[in-house]
């Protein structure tokens, strides 16, 4: 497998890696790749920082029309279920 193919495979796993959702073998595989791949390690660092920044954002209030539509959809859902 070429280096670019390895990187594509690792990039596809980074979200699960960050969320702690990979099994031990896959986690070790990602760790091994990151230890020897500066571009993928940089991407992982960027993803971590992006997550940190997003978590610091204040929660935006839900607009009234969206809140109304969600309530209506939930009511329809409950009616459909009996």
PDB file of N, CA and C in Angstrom:
ATOM      1  N   UNK A   1       0.859  -1.171   0.000  1.00  0.00           N
ATOM      2  CA  UNK A   1       0.000   0.000   0.000  1.00  0.00           C
ATOM      3  C   UNK A   1       0.904   1.233   0.000  1.00  0.00           C
ATOM      4  N   UNK A   2       0.576   2.184  -0.853  1.00  0.00           N
ATOM      5  CA  UNK A   2       1.395   3.391  -0.932  1.00  0.00           C
ATOM      6  C   UNK A   2       1.158   4.270   0.298  1.00  0.00           C
ATOM      7  N   UNK A   3       2.072   5.206   0.499  1.00  0.00           N
ATOM      8  CA  UNK A   3       1.975   6.118   1.637  1.00  0.00           C
ATOM      9  C   UNK A   3       0.684   6.941   1.572  1.00  0.00           C
ATOM     10  N   UNK A   4       0.331   7.423   0.384  1.00  0.00           N
ATOM     11  CA  UNK A   4      -0.890   8.219   0.255  1.00  0.00           C
ATOM     12  C   UNK A   4      -2.132   7.382   0.551  1.00  0.00           C
ATOM     13  N   UNK A   5      -2.116   6.114   0.168  1.00  0.00           N
ATOM     14  CA  UNK A   5      -3.237   5.224   0.495  1.00  0.00           C
ATOM     15  C   UNK A   5      -3.317   4.993   2.008  1.00  0.00           C
ATOM     16  N   UNK A   6      -2.160   4.830   2.637  1.00  0.00           N
ATOM     17  CA  UNK A   6      -2.134   4.672   4.094  1.00  0.00           C
ATOM     18  C   UNK A   6      -2.706   5.917   4.773  1.00  0.00           C
ATOM     19  N   UNK A   7      -2.305   7.079   4.289  1.00  0.00           N
ATOM     20  CA  UNK A   7      -2.789   8.335   4.872  1.00  0.00           C
ATOM     21  C   UNK A   7      -4.299   8.468   4.705  1.00  0.00           C
ATOM     22  N   UNK A   8      -4.808   8.148   3.524  1.00  0.00           N
ATOM     23  CA  UNK A   8      -6.259   8.221   3.299  1.00  0.00           C
ATOM     24  C   UNK A   8      -6.999   7.292   4.264  1.00  0.00           C
ATOM     25  N   UNK A   9      -6.440   6.107   4.459  1.00  0.00           N
ATOM     26  CA  UNK A   9      -7.047   5.146   5.383  1.00  0.00           C
ATOM     27  C   UNK A   9      -7.036   5.685   6.819  1.00  0.00           C
ATOM     28  N   UNK A  10      -5.940   6.292   7.212  1.00  0.00           N
ATOM     29  CA  UNK A  10      -5.833   6.836   8.566  1.00  0.00           C
ATOM     30  C   UNK A  10      -6.762   8.032   8.761  1.00  0.00           C
ATOM     31  N   UNK A  11      -6.814   8.909   7.773  1.00  0.00           N
ATOM     32  CA  UNK A  11      -7.672  10.087   7.867  1.00  0.00           C
ATOM     33  C   UNK A  11      -9.129   9.662   8.055  1.00  0.00           C
ATOM     34  N   UNK A  12      -9.533   8.594   7.402  1.00  0.00           N
ATOM     35  CA  UNK A  12     -10.904   8.097   7.531  1.00  0.00           C
ATOM     36  C   UNK A  12     -11.199   7.609   8.944  1.00  0.00           C
ATOM     37  N   UNK A  13     -10.150   7.273   9.703  1.00  0.00           N
ATOM     38  CA  UNK A  13     -10.327   6.743  11.054  1.00  0.00           C
ATOM     39  C   UNK A  13     -10.120   7.782  12.146  1.00  0.00           C
ATOM     40  N   UNK A  14      -9.682   8.979  11.791  1.00  0.00           N
ATOM     41  CA  UNK A  14      -9.306   9.952  12.819  1.00  0.00           C
ATOM     42  C   UNK A  14     -10.453  10.376  13.723  1.00  0.00           C
ATOM     43  N   UNK A  15     -11.637  10.523  13.192  1.00  0.00           N
ATOM     44  CA  UNK A  15     -12.764  10.931  14.022  1.00  0.00           C
ATOM     45  C   UNK A  15     -13.057   9.878  15.085  1.00  0.00           C
ATOM     46  N   UNK A  16     -13.110   8.632  14.667  1.00  0.00           N
ATOM     47  CA  UNK A  16     -13.332   7.542  15.627  1.00  0.00           C
ATOM     48  C   UNK A  16     -12.165   7.431  16.606  1.00  0.00           C
ATOM     49  N   UNK A  17     -10.972   7.698  16.118  1.00  0.00           N
ATOM     50  CA  UNK A  17      -9.784   7.676  16.968  1.00  0.00           C
ATOM     51  C   UNK A  17      -9.907   8.723  18.078  1.00  0.00           C
ATOM     52  N   UNK A  18     -10.280   9.930  17.694  1.00  0.00           N
ATOM     53  CA  UNK A  18     -10.432  11.007  18.677  1.00  0.00           C
ATOM     54  C   UNK A  18     -11.566  10.723  19.661  1.00  0.00           C
ATOM     55  N   UNK A  19     -12.600  10.059  19.199  1.00  0.00           N
ATOM     56  CA  UNK A  19     -13.753   9.751  20.049  1.00  0.00           C
ATOM     57  C   UNK A  19     -13.542   8.502  20.904  1.00  0.00           C
ATOM     58  N   UNK A  20     -12.386   7.842  20.736  1.00  0.00           N
ATOM     59  CA  UNK A  20     -12.109   6.626  21.510  1.00  0.00           C
ATOM     60  C   UNK A  20     -12.969   5.442  21.104  1.00  0.00           C
ATOM     61  N   UNK A  21     -13.366   5.406  19.834  1.00  0.00           N
ATOM     62  CA  UNK A  21     -14.269   4.363  19.354  1.00  0.00           C
ATOM     63  C   UNK A  21     -13.566   3.237  18.592  1.00  0.00           C
ATOM     64  N   UNK A  22     -12.256   3.325  18.434  1.00  0.00           N
ATOM     65  CA  UNK A  22     -11.530   2.272  17.722  1.00  0.00           C
ATOM     66  C   UNK A  22     -11.127   1.174  18.692  1.00  0.00           C
ATOM     67  N   UNK A  23     -11.115  -0.060  18.191  1.00  0.00           N
ATOM     68  CA  UNK A  23     -10.616  -1.138  19.045  1.00  0.00           C
ATOM     69  C   UNK A  23      -9.109  -0.972  19.218  1.00  0.00           C
ATOM     70  N   UNK A  24      -8.540  -1.705  20.132  1.00  0.00           N
ATOM     71  CA  UNK A  24      -7.126  -1.540  20.487  1.00  0.00           C
ATOM     72  C   UNK A  24      -6.188  -1.737  19.300  1.00  0.00           C
ATOM     73  N   UNK A  25      -6.486  -2.721  18.442  1.00  0.00           N
ATOM     74  CA  UNK A  25      -5.620  -2.981  17.291  1.00  0.00           C
ATOM     75  C   UNK A  25      -5.619  -1.801  16.316  1.00  0.00           C
ATOM     76  N   UNK A  26      -6.796  -1.288  16.012  1.00  0.00           N
ATOM     77  CA  UNK A  26      -6.873  -0.146  15.090  1.00  0.00           C
ATOM     78  C   UNK A  26      -6.265   1.101  15.715  1.00  0.00           C
ATOM     79  N   UNK A  27      -6.458   1.271  17.005  1.00  0.00           N
ATOM     80  CA  UNK A  27      -5.880   2.419  17.690  1.00  0.00           C
ATOM     81  C   UNK A  27      -4.349   2.353  17.612  1.00  0.00           C
ATOM     82  N   UNK A  28      -3.802   1.191  17.806  1.00  0.00           N
ATOM     83  CA  UNK A  28      -2.345   1.010  17.696  1.00  0.00           C
ATOM     84  C   UNK A  28      -1.872   1.275  16.274  1.00  0.00           C
ATOM     85  N   UNK A  29      -2.670   0.847  15.309  1.00  0.00           N
ATOM     86  CA  UNK A  29      -2.326   1.077  13.902  1.00  0.00           C
ATOM     87  C   UNK A  29      -2.270   2.581  13.611  1.00  0.00           C
ATOM     88  N   UNK A  30      -3.246   3.309  14.103  1.00  0.00           N
ATOM     89  CA  UNK A  30      -3.275   4.764  13.902  1.00  0.00           C
ATOM     90  C   UNK A  30      -2.096   5.397  14.638  1.00  0.00           C
ATOM     91  N   UNK A  31      -1.842   4.983  15.871  1.00  0.00           N
ATOM     92  CA  UNK A  31      -0.705   5.511  16.636  1.00  0.00           C
ATOM     93  C   UNK A  31       0.610   5.301  15.893  1.00  0.00           C
ATOM     94  N   UNK A  32       0.793   4.101  15.359  1.00  0.00           N
ATOM     95  CA  UNK A  32       2.028   3.792  14.619  1.00  0.00           C
ATOM     96  C   UNK A  32       2.163   4.694  13.399  1.00  0.00           C
ATOM     97  N   UNK A  33       1.069   4.865  12.687  1.00  0.00           N
ATOM     98  CA  UNK A  33       1.114   5.708  11.495  1.00  0.00           C
ATOM     99  C   UNK A  33       1.433   7.155  11.880  1.00  0.00           C
ATOM    100  N   UNK A  34       0.763   7.659  12.903  1.00  0.00           N
ATOM    101  CA  UNK A  34       0.965   9.048  13.320  1.00  0.00           C
ATOM    102  C   UNK A  34       2.386   9.299  13.800  1.00  0.00           C
ATOM    103  N   UNK A  35       3.010   8.289  14.387  1.00  0.00           N
ATOM    104  CA  UNK A  35       4.374   8.467  14.890  1.00  0.00           C
ATOM    105  C   UNK A  35       5.386   8.667  13.771  1.00  0.00           C
ATOM    106  N   UNK A  36       4.987   8.306  12.553  1.00  0.00           N
ATOM    107  CA  UNK A  36       5.913   8.377  11.421  1.00  0.00           C
ATOM    108  C   UNK A  36       5.369   9.235  10.260  1.00  0.00           C
ATOM    109  N   UNK A  37       4.289   9.987  10.507  1.00  0.00           N
ATOM    110  CA  UNK A  37       3.689  10.759   9.416  1.00  0.00           C
ATOM    111  C   UNK A  37       3.345  12.158   9.913  1.00  0.00           C
ATOM    112  N   UNK A  38       4.194  13.091   9.607  1.00  0.00           N
ATOM    113  CA  UNK A  38       4.002  14.469  10.059  1.00  0.00           C
ATOM    114  C   UNK A  38       2.706  15.080   9.513  1.00  0.00           C
ATOM    115  N   UNK A  39       2.366  14.898   8.226  1.00  0.00           N
ATOM    116  CA  UNK A  39       1.118  15.496   7.731  1.00  0.00           C
ATOM    117  C   UNK A  39      -0.131  14.981   8.463  1.00  0.00           C
ATOM    118  N   UNK A  40      -0.198  13.691   8.727  1.00  0.00           N
ATOM    119  CA  UNK A  40      -1.364  13.142   9.436  1.00  0.00           C
ATOM    120  C   UNK A  40      -1.373  13.600  10.893  1.00  0.00           C
ATOM    121  N   UNK A  41      -0.206  13.672  11.502  1.00  0.00           N
ATOM    122  CA  UNK A  41      -0.121  14.165  12.870  1.00  0.00           C
ATOM    123  C   UNK A  41      -0.572  15.630  12.941  1.00  0.00           C
ATOM    124  N   UNK A  42      -0.194  16.410  11.951  1.00  0.00           N
ATOM    125  CA  UNK A  42      -0.615  17.813  11.900  1.00  0.00           C
ATOM    126  C   UNK A  42      -2.127  17.924  11.710  1.00  0.00           C
ATOM    127  N   UNK A  43      -2.677  17.066  10.877  1.00  0.00           N
ATOM    128  CA  UNK A  43      -4.116  17.061  10.678  1.00  0.00           C
ATOM    129  C   UNK A  43      -4.834  16.702  11.979  1.00  0.00           C
ATOM    130  N   UNK A  44      -4.327  15.714  12.690  1.00  0.00           N
ATOM    131  CA  UNK A  44      -4.925  15.333  13.964  1.00  0.00           C
ATOM    132  C   UNK A  44      -4.872  16.490  14.957  1.00  0.00           C
ATOM    133  N   UNK A  45      -3.744  17.171  15.025  1.00  0.00           N
ATOM    134  CA  UNK A  45      -3.621  18.335  15.914  1.00  0.00           C
ATOM    135  C   UNK A  45      -4.629  19.419  15.532  1.00  0.00           C
ATOM    136  N   UNK A  46      -4.816  19.632  14.234  1.00  0.00           N
ATOM    137  CA  UNK A  46      -5.789  20.627  13.767  1.00  0.00           C
ATOM    138  C   UNK A  46      -7.215  20.224  14.145  1.00  0.00           C
ATOM    139  N   UNK A  47      -7.525  18.953  14.008  1.00  0.00           N
ATOM    140  CA  UNK A  47      -8.855  18.472  14.384  1.00  0.00           C
ATOM    141  C   UNK A  47      -9.094  18.652  15.886  1.00  0.00           C
ATOM    142  N   UNK A  48      -8.091  18.316  16.678  1.00  0.00           N
ATOM    143  CA  UNK A  48      -8.216  18.498  18.134  1.00  0.00           C
ATOM    144  C   UNK A  48      -8.462  19.967  18.479  1.00  0.00           C
ATOM    145  N   UNK A  49      -7.718  20.845  17.858  1.00  0.00           N
ATOM    146  CA  UNK A  49      -7.862  22.277  18.138  1.00  0.00           C
ATOM    147  C   UNK A  49      -9.230  22.782  17.673  1.00  0.00           C
ATOM    148  N   UNK A  50      -9.686  22.313  16.542  1.00  0.00           N
ATOM    149  CA  UNK A  50     -11.003  22.703  16.048  1.00  0.00           C
ATOM    150  C   UNK A  50     -12.089  22.277  17.037  1.00  0.00           C
ATOM    151  N   UNK A  51     -11.987  21.065  17.539  1.00  0.00           N
ATOM    152  CA  UNK A  51     -12.953  20.572  18.523  1.00  0.00           C
ATOM    153  C   UNK A  51     -12.922  21.445  19.776  1.00  0.00           C
ATOM    154  N   UNK A  52     -11.733  21.771  20.245  1.00  0.00           N
ATOM    155  CA  UNK A  52     -11.603  22.633  21.427  1.00  0.00           C
ATOM    156  C   UNK A  52     -12.272  23.989  21.198  1.00  0.00           C
ATOM    157  N   UNK A  53     -12.027  24.575  20.037  1.00  0.00           N
ATOM    158  CA  UNK A  53     -12.610  25.888  19.733  1.00  0.00           C
ATOM    159  C   UNK A  53     -14.130  25.833  19.645  1.00  0.00           C
ATOM    160  N   UNK A  54     -14.649  24.802  19.020  1.00  0.00           N
ATOM    161  CA  UNK A  54     -16.096  24.669  18.888  1.00  0.00           C
ATOM    162  C   UNK A  54     -16.743  24.467  20.258  1.00  0.00           C
ATOM    163  N   UNK A  55     -16.084  23.694  21.109  1.00  0.00           N
ATOM    164  CA  UNK A  55     -16.635  23.463  22.445  1.00  0.00           C
ATOM    165  C   UNK A  55     -16.663  24.740  23.282  1.00  0.00           C
ATOM    166  N   UNK A  56     -15.826  25.706  22.956  1.00  0.00           N
ATOM    167  CA  UNK A  56     -15.792  26.970  23.697  1.00  0.00           C
ATOM    168  C   UNK A  56     -16.871  27.949  23.239  1.00  0.00           C
ATOM    169  N   UNK A  57     -17.484  27.692  22.083  1.00  0.00           N
ATOM    170  CA  UNK A  57     -18.511  28.592  21.573  1.00  0.00           C
ATOM    171  C   UNK A  57     -19.745  28.554  22.466  1.00  0.00           C
ATOM    172  N   UNK A  58     -20.354  29.704  22.681  1.00  0.00           N
ATOM    173  CA  UNK A  58     -21.606  29.700  23.449  1.00  0.00           C
ATOM    174  C   UNK A  58     -22.719  29.062  22.621  1.00  0.00           C
ATOM    175  N   UNK A  59     -23.619  28.415  23.304  1.00  0.00           N
ATOM    176  CA  UNK A  59     -24.752  27.799  22.614  1.00  0.00           C
ATOM    177  C   UNK A  59     -25.672  28.900  22.102  1.00  0.00           C
ATOM    178  N   UNK A  60     -26.040  28.794  20.852  1.00  0.00           N
ATOM    179  CA  UNK A  60     -26.942  29.774  20.246  1.00  0.00           C
ATOM    180  C   UNK A  60     -28.382  29.387  20.571  1.00  0.00           C
ATOM    181  N   UNK A  61     -29.218  30.366  20.858  1.00  0.00           N
ATOM    182  CA  UNK A  61     -30.624  30.040  21.127  1.00  0.00           C
ATOM    183  C   UNK A  61     -31.304  29.536  19.862  1.00  0.00           C
ATOM    184  N   UNK A  62     -32.227  28.632  20.045  1.00  0.00           N
ATOM    185  CA  UNK A  62     -32.972  28.073  18.926  1.00  0.00           C
ATOM    186  C   UNK A  62     -34.041  29.069  18.498  1.00  0.00           C
ATOM    187  N   UNK A  63     -34.072  29.453  17.217  1.00  0.00           N
ATOM    188  CA  UNK A  63     -35.101  30.398  16.750  1.00  0.00           C
ATOM    189  C   UNK A  63     -36.506  29.846  17.016  1.00  0.00           C
ATOM    190  N   UNK A  64     -37.428  30.747  17.293  1.00  0.00           N
ATOM    191  CA  UNK A  64     -38.802  30.351  17.628  1.00  0.00           C
ATOM    192  C   UNK A  64     -39.442  29.485  16.553  1.00  0.00           C
ATOM    193  N   UNK A  65     -39.239  29.815  15.277  1.00  0.00           N
ATOM    194  CA  UNK A  65     -39.867  29.029  14.209  1.00  0.00           C
ATOM    195  C   UNK A  65     -39.304  27.606  14.153  1.00  0.00           C
ATOM    196  N   UNK A  66     -38.034  27.458  14.422  1.00  0.00           N
ATOM    197  CA  UNK A  66     -37.436  26.120  14.441  1.00  0.00           C
ATOM    198  C   UNK A  66     -37.978  25.335  15.637  1.00  0.00           C
ATOM    199  N   UNK A  67     -38.045  25.980  16.786  1.00  0.00           N
ATOM    200  CA  UNK A  67     -38.581  25.337  17.987  1.00  0.00           C
ATOM    201  C   UNK A  67     -40.025  24.867  17.723  1.00  0.00           C
ATOM    202  N   UNK A  68     -40.840  25.699  17.074  1.00  0.00           N
ATOM    203  CA  UNK A  68     -42.222  25.345  16.766  1.00  0.00           C
ATOM    204  C   UNK A  68     -42.286  24.140  15.825  1.00  0.00           C
ATOM    205  N   UNK A  69     -41.444  24.149  14.784  1.00  0.00           N
ATOM    206  CA  UNK A  69     -41.453  23.042  13.815  1.00  0.00           C
ATOM    207  C   UNK A  69     -41.005  21.732  14.457  1.00  0.00           C
ATOM    208  N   UNK A  70     -40.042  21.798  15.358  1.00  0.00           N
ATOM    209  CA  UNK A  70     -39.589  20.584  16.054  1.00  0.00           C
ATOM    210  C   UNK A  70     -40.719  20.034  16.915  1.00  0.00           C
ATOM    211  N   UNK A  71     -41.396  20.914  17.644  1.00  0.00           N
ATOM    212  CA  UNK A  71     -42.525  20.469  18.472  1.00  0.00           C
ATOM    213  C   UNK A  71     -43.619  19.843  17.612  1.00  0.00           C
ATOM    214  N   UNK A  72     -43.928  20.463  16.477  1.00  0.00           N
ATOM    215  CA  UNK A  72     -44.949  19.915  15.583  1.00  0.00           C
ATOM    216  C   UNK A  72     -44.531  18.551  15.030  1.00  0.00           C
ATOM    217  N   UNK A  73     -43.273  18.424  14.640  1.00  0.00           N
ATOM    218  CA  UNK A  73     -42.781  17.152  14.111  1.00  0.00           C
ATOM    219  C   UNK A  73     -42.823  16.074  15.183  1.00  0.00           C
ATOM    220  N   UNK A  74     -42.481  16.430  16.401  1.00  0.00           N
ATOM    221  CA  UNK A  74     -42.520  15.472  17.501  1.00  0.00           C
ATOM    222  C   UNK A  74     -43.960  15.041  17.781  1.00  0.00           C
ATOM    223  N   UNK A  75     -44.877  15.988  17.744  1.00  0.00           N
ATOM    224  CA  UNK A  75     -46.288  15.659  17.958  1.00  0.00           C
ATOM    225  C   UNK A  75     -46.782  14.699  16.877  1.00  0.00           C
ATOM    226  N   UNK A  76     -46.410  14.954  15.610  1.00  0.00           N
ATOM    227  CA  UNK A  76     -46.797  14.047  14.521  1.00  0.00           C
ATOM    228  C   UNK A  76     -46.180  12.669  14.728  1.00  0.00           C
ATOM    229  N   UNK A  77     -44.932  12.637  15.153  1.00  0.00           N
ATOM    230  CA  UNK A  77     -44.245  11.372  15.407  1.00  0.00           C
ATOM    231  C   UNK A  77     -44.996  10.568  16.471  1.00  0.00           C
ATOM    232  N   UNK A  78     -45.392  11.228  17.550  1.00  0.00           N
ATOM    233  CA  UNK A  78     -46.101  10.535  18.637  1.00  0.00           C
ATOM    234  C   UNK A  78     -47.467  10.044  18.163  1.00  0.00           C
ATOM    235  N   UNK A  79     -48.155  10.845  17.353  1.00  0.00           N
ATOM    236  CA  UNK A  79     -49.460  10.429  16.829  1.00  0.00           C
ATOM    237  C   UNK A  79     -49.316   9.208  15.925  1.00  0.00           C
ATOM    238  N   UNK A  80     -48.264   9.211  15.084  1.00  0.00           N
ATOM    239  CA  UNK A  80     -48.051   8.097  14.160  1.00  0.00           C
ATOM    240  C   UNK A  80     -47.733   6.803  14.898  1.00  0.00           C
ATOM    241  N   UNK A  81     -47.131   6.915  16.067  1.00  0.00           N
ATOM    242  CA  UNK A  81     -46.755   5.719  16.840  1.00  0.00           C
ATOM    243  C   UNK A  81     -47.936   5.178  17.629  1.00  0.00           C
ATOM    244  N   UNK A  82     -49.031   5.896  17.632  1.00  0.00           N
ATOM    245  CA  UNK A  82     -50.216   5.378  18.275  1.00  0.00           C
ATOM    246  C   UNK A  82     -50.497   6.021  19.555  1.00  0.00           C
TER     247      UNK A  82
END
